[in-house]
C-alpha atoms as a PDB file:
ATOM      1  CA  UNK A   1     120.597  95.982 143.632  1.00  0.00           C
ATOM      2  CA  UNK A   2     118.600  95.510 146.621  1.00  0.00           C
ATOM      3  CA  UNK A   3     120.148  95.913 150.343  1.00  0.00           C
ATOM      4  CA  UNK A   4     121.514  92.667 151.521  1.00  0.00           C
ATOM      5  CA  UNK A   5     122.380  91.135 148.011  1.00  0.00           C
ATOM      6  CA  UNK A   6     124.999  88.612 148.549  1.00  0.00           C
ATOM      7  CA  UNK A   7     127.992  89.294 146.265  1.00  0.00           C
ATOM      8  CA  UNK A   8     131.165  87.135 145.877  1.00  0.00           C
ATOM      9  CA  UNK A   9     134.234  86.451 143.911  1.00  0.00           C
ATOM     10  CA  UNK A  10     135.303  83.539 141.608  1.00  0.00           C
ATOM     11  CA  UNK A  11     138.241  82.541 139.770  1.00  0.00           C
ATOM     12  CA  UNK A  12     137.882  81.505 136.071  1.00  0.00           C
ATOM     13  CA  UNK A  13     139.786  78.483 135.167  1.00  0.00           C
ATOM     14  CA  UNK A  14     139.892  76.944 131.605  1.00  0.00           C
ATOM     15  CA  UNK A  15     139.006  78.009 128.117  1.00  0.00           C
ATOM     16  CA  UNK A  16     135.278  77.571 128.012  1.00  0.00           C
ATOM     17  CA  UNK A  17     134.314  81.147 128.111  1.00  0.00           C
ATOM     18  CA  UNK A  18     137.578  82.566 126.107  1.00  0.00           C
ATOM     19  CA  UNK A  19     135.633  85.201 124.237  1.00  0.00           C
ATOM     20  CA  UNK A  20     135.137  87.175 127.059  1.00  0.00           C
ATOM     21  CA  UNK A  21     136.705  85.499 130.036  1.00  0.00           C
ATOM     22  CA  UNK A  22     140.077  83.797 130.019  1.00  0.00           C
ATOM     23  CA  UNK A  23     141.982  81.360 132.385  1.00  0.00           C
ATOM     24  CA  UNK A  24     142.911  83.384 135.645  1.00  0.00           C
ATOM     25  CA  UNK A  25     140.450  86.042 135.096  1.00  0.00           C
ATOM     26  CA  UNK A  26     138.687  87.112 138.474  1.00  0.00           C
ATOM     27  CA  UNK A  27     134.958  88.084 138.362  1.00  0.00           C
ATOM     28  CA  UNK A  28     132.125  89.461 140.685  1.00  0.00           C
ATOM     29  CA  UNK A  29     129.297  87.143 141.443  1.00  0.00           C
ATOM     30  CA  UNK A  30     125.854  88.644 142.675  1.00  0.00           C
ATOM     31  CA  UNK A  31     124.035  85.399 144.352  1.00  0.00           C
ATOM     32  CA  UNK A  32     120.488  84.762 143.809  1.00  0.00           C
ATOM     33  CA  UNK A  33     120.370  87.321 140.863  1.00  0.00           C
ATOM     34  CA  UNK A  34     117.609  86.326 138.259  1.00  0.00           C
ATOM     35  CA  UNK A  35     118.972  85.002 135.172  1.00  0.00           C
ATOM     36  CA  UNK A  36     117.743  86.057 131.457  1.00  0.00           C
ATOM     37  CA  UNK A  37     118.999  84.697 128.194  1.00  0.00           C
ATOM     38  CA  UNK A  38     122.458  85.842 127.453  1.00  0.00           C
ATOM     39  CA  UNK A  39     123.328  86.265 130.862  1.00  0.00           C
ATOM     40  CA  UNK A  40     126.639  84.788 132.312  1.00  0.00           C
ATOM     41  CA  UNK A  41     125.688  82.381 135.354  1.00  0.00           C
ATOM     42  CA  UNK A  42     127.900  80.629 138.157  1.00  0.00           C
ATOM     43  CA  UNK A  43     126.259  77.299 138.910  1.00  0.00           C
ATOM     44  CA  UNK A  44     126.932  74.022 140.386  1.00  0.00           C
ATOM     45  CA  UNK A  45     127.821  71.215 137.570  1.00  0.00           C
ATOM     46  CA  UNK A  46     124.910  68.915 137.376  1.00  0.00           C
ATOM     47  CA  UNK A  47     127.067  65.765 137.580  1.00  0.00           C
ATOM     48  CA  UNK A  48     129.668  67.092 140.012  1.00  0.00           C
ATOM     49  CA  UNK A  49     128.112  69.432 142.379  1.00  0.00           C
ATOM     50  CA  UNK A  50     131.337  70.195 143.983  1.00  0.00           C
ATOM     51  CA  UNK A  51     132.544  72.008 140.801  1.00  0.00           C
ATOM     52  CA  UNK A  52     131.491  75.641 140.058  1.00  0.00           C
ATOM     53  CA  UNK A  53     131.037  76.286 136.605  1.00  0.00           C
ATOM     54  CA  UNK A  54     130.639  79.763 134.357  1.00  0.00           C
ATOM     55  CA  UNK A  55     128.739  79.578 131.310  1.00  0.00           C
ATOM     56  CA  UNK A  56     126.241  81.736 129.273  1.00  0.00           C
ATOM     57  CA  UNK A  57     122.516  80.855 130.262  1.00  0.00           C
ATOM     58  CA  UNK A  58     121.361  80.408 126.437  1.00  0.00           C
ATOM     59  CA  UNK A  59     117.626  79.786 127.336  1.00  0.00           C
ATOM     60  CA  UNK A  60     115.041  77.696 129.473  1.00  0.00           C
ATOM     61  CA  UNK A  61     114.287  74.339 128.915  1.00  0.00           C
ATOM     62  CA  UNK A  62     112.389  71.580 130.731  1.00  0.00           C
ATOM     63  CA  UNK A  63     114.553  70.950 133.773  1.00  0.00           C
ATOM     64  CA  UNK A  64     116.272  74.309 133.715  1.00  0.00           C
ATOM     65  CA  UNK A  65     118.753  76.652 132.090  1.00  0.00           C
ATOM     66  CA  UNK A  66     120.549  75.674 128.993  1.00  0.00           C
ATOM     67  CA  UNK A  67     124.086  76.662 129.477  1.00  0.00           C
ATOM     68  CA  UNK A  68     126.660  77.108 126.880  1.00  0.00           C
ATOM     69  CA  UNK A  69     130.198  77.800 126.349  1.00  0.00           C
ATOM     70  CA  UNK A  70     131.322  80.889 124.578  1.00  0.00           C
ATOM     71  CA  UNK A  71     134.255  79.087 122.903  1.00  0.00           C
ATOM     72  CA  UNK A  72     132.988  77.002 120.220  1.00  0.00           C
ATOM     73  CA  UNK A  73     135.585  74.363 120.691  1.00  0.00           C
ATOM     74  CA  UNK A  74     134.779  73.608 124.172  1.00  0.00           C
ATOM     75  CA  UNK A  75     131.486  71.151 124.355  1.00  0.00           C
ATOM     76  CA  UNK A  76     131.715  70.674 128.215  1.00  0.00           C
ATOM     77  CA  UNK A  77     128.356  72.564 128.658  1.00  0.00           C
ATOM     78  CA  UNK A  78     124.791  71.530 128.469  1.00  0.00           C
ATOM     79  CA  UNK A  79     125.182  69.820 125.326  1.00  0.00           C
ATOM     80  CA  UNK A  80     126.850  67.216 127.412  1.00  0.00           C
ATOM     81  CA  UNK A  81     125.075  67.165 130.508  1.00  0.00           C
ATOM     82  CA  UNK A  82     121.715  68.762 129.839  1.00  0.00           C
ATOM     83  CA  UNK A  83     119.629  71.534 131.520  1.00  0.00           C
ATOM     84  CA  UNK A  84     120.941  72.752 134.599  1.00  0.00           C
ATOM     85  CA  UNK A  85     118.083  72.725 137.471  1.00  0.00           C
ATOM     86  CA  UNK A  86     117.407  75.850 139.056  1.00  0.00           C
ATOM     87  CA  UNK A  87     118.552  74.991 142.408  1.00  0.00           C
ATOM     88  CA  UNK A  88     122.242  74.655 141.240  1.00  0.00           C
ATOM     89  CA  UNK A  89     122.065  77.882 139.508  1.00  0.00           C
ATOM     90  CA  UNK A  90     123.992  80.136 142.038  1.00  0.00           C
ATOM     91  CA  UNK A  91     123.929  83.674 140.525  1.00  0.00           C
ATOM     92  CA  UNK A  92     124.840  85.909 137.742  1.00  0.00           C
ATOM     93  CA  UNK A  93     128.325  87.274 136.794  1.00  0.00           C
ATOM     94  CA  UNK A  94     128.271  91.107 136.932  1.00  0.00           C
ATOM     95  CA  UNK A  95     132.015  92.194 136.477  1.00  0.00           C
ATOM     96  CA  UNK A  96     135.397  90.979 135.478  1.00  0.00           C
ATOM     97  CA  UNK A  97     137.486  92.567 138.150  1.00  0.00           C
ATOM     98  CA  UNK A  98     140.907  91.357 137.105  1.00  0.00           C
ATOM     99  CA  UNK A  99     143.389  91.383 135.155  1.00  0.00           C
ATOM    100  CA  UNK A 100     141.182  93.972 132.937  1.00  0.00           C
ATOM    101  CA  UNK A 101     137.942  95.299 134.537  1.00  0.00           C
ATOM    102  CA  UNK A 102     134.583  94.999 132.501  1.00  0.00           C
ATOM    103  CA  UNK A 103     131.130  95.062 133.051  1.00  0.00           C
ATOM    104  CA  UNK A 104     129.525  91.839 132.075  1.00  0.00           C
ATOM    105  CA  UNK A 105     126.011  92.590 133.265  1.00  0.00           C
ATOM    106  CA  UNK A 106     124.398  95.606 131.247  1.00  0.00           C
ATOM    107  CA  UNK A 107     120.636  96.168 131.728  1.00  0.00           C
ATOM    108  CA  UNK A 108     117.953  95.119 129.123  1.00  0.00           C
ATOM    109  CA  UNK A 109     117.615  98.645 127.700  1.00  0.00           C
ATOM    110  CA  UNK A 110     121.396  98.692 126.984  1.00  0.00           C
ATOM    111  CA  UNK A 111     121.419  95.306 125.548  1.00  0.00           C
ATOM    112  CA  UNK A 112     118.816  95.833 123.150  1.00  0.00           C
ATOM    113  CA  UNK A 113     120.393  99.268 122.343  1.00  0.00           C
ATOM    114  CA  UNK A 114     123.816  97.347 121.670  1.00  0.00           C
ATOM    115  CA  UNK A 115     122.884  94.332 120.214  1.00  0.00           C
ATOM    116  CA  UNK A 116     123.635  94.333 116.284  1.00  0.00           C
ATOM    117  CA  UNK A 117     124.631  97.871 116.345  1.00  0.00           C
ATOM    118  CA  UNK A 118     128.344  97.958 117.858  1.00  0.00           C
ATOM    119  CA  UNK A 119     129.327  94.355 118.228  1.00  0.00           C
ATOM    120  CA  UNK A 120     132.661  95.283 119.617  1.00  0.00           C
ATOM    121  CA  UNK A 121     131.583  97.471 122.415  1.00  0.00           C
ATOM    122  CA  UNK A 122     128.609  95.056 122.704  1.00  0.00           C
ATOM    123  CA  UNK A 123     130.711  92.126 123.452  1.00  0.00           C
ATOM    124  CA  UNK A 124     132.929  94.120 125.963  1.00  0.00           C
ATOM    125  CA  UNK A 125     130.009  94.796 127.970  1.00  0.00           C
ATOM    126  CA  UNK A 126     128.890  91.132 127.763  1.00  0.00           C
ATOM    127  CA  UNK A 127     126.125  91.706 125.269  1.00  0.00           C
ATOM    128  CA  UNK A 128     126.623  88.507 122.971  1.00  0.00           C
ATOM    129  CA  UNK A 129     124.860  85.656 121.997  1.00  0.00           C
ATOM    130  CA  UNK A 130     126.795  82.200 122.352  1.00  0.00           C
ATOM    131  CA  UNK A 131     128.072  80.689 118.953  1.00  0.00           C
ATOM    132  CA  UNK A 132     125.745  78.952 116.697  1.00  0.00           C
ATOM    133  CA  UNK A 133     125.743  75.907 118.760  1.00  0.00           C
ATOM    134  CA  UNK A 134     122.475  73.995 119.583  1.00  0.00           C
ATOM    135  CA  UNK A 135     120.042  76.008 121.587  1.00  0.00           C
END
């Protein structure tokens, strides 16, 4: 992390990220951090900008980032509101602080090393792909 990087906390509400994050969890966010596909992001809802949302960045699309829920039963994500413009993306979720601390933003090398080899450990570190929904 560079000197002067803004950090903040956010509380999770709702079931949309249930595989990794649960209602009531508290996370640490690095504001202004670059995203890459698979990262967990904090952003302003495109249709209700006073609402902050945490979803997985599935990939780039024309118009911004395609954000998906980790919970396949929840469809309140980019399938409903489309790509999220870059100016609404606030940062990347780094850690789950409470109730069970867990690192959620491993580096690229760690992601590549873990993907497909130790899925239980990879998911604990936030290395997982969204369910097989529309990308």
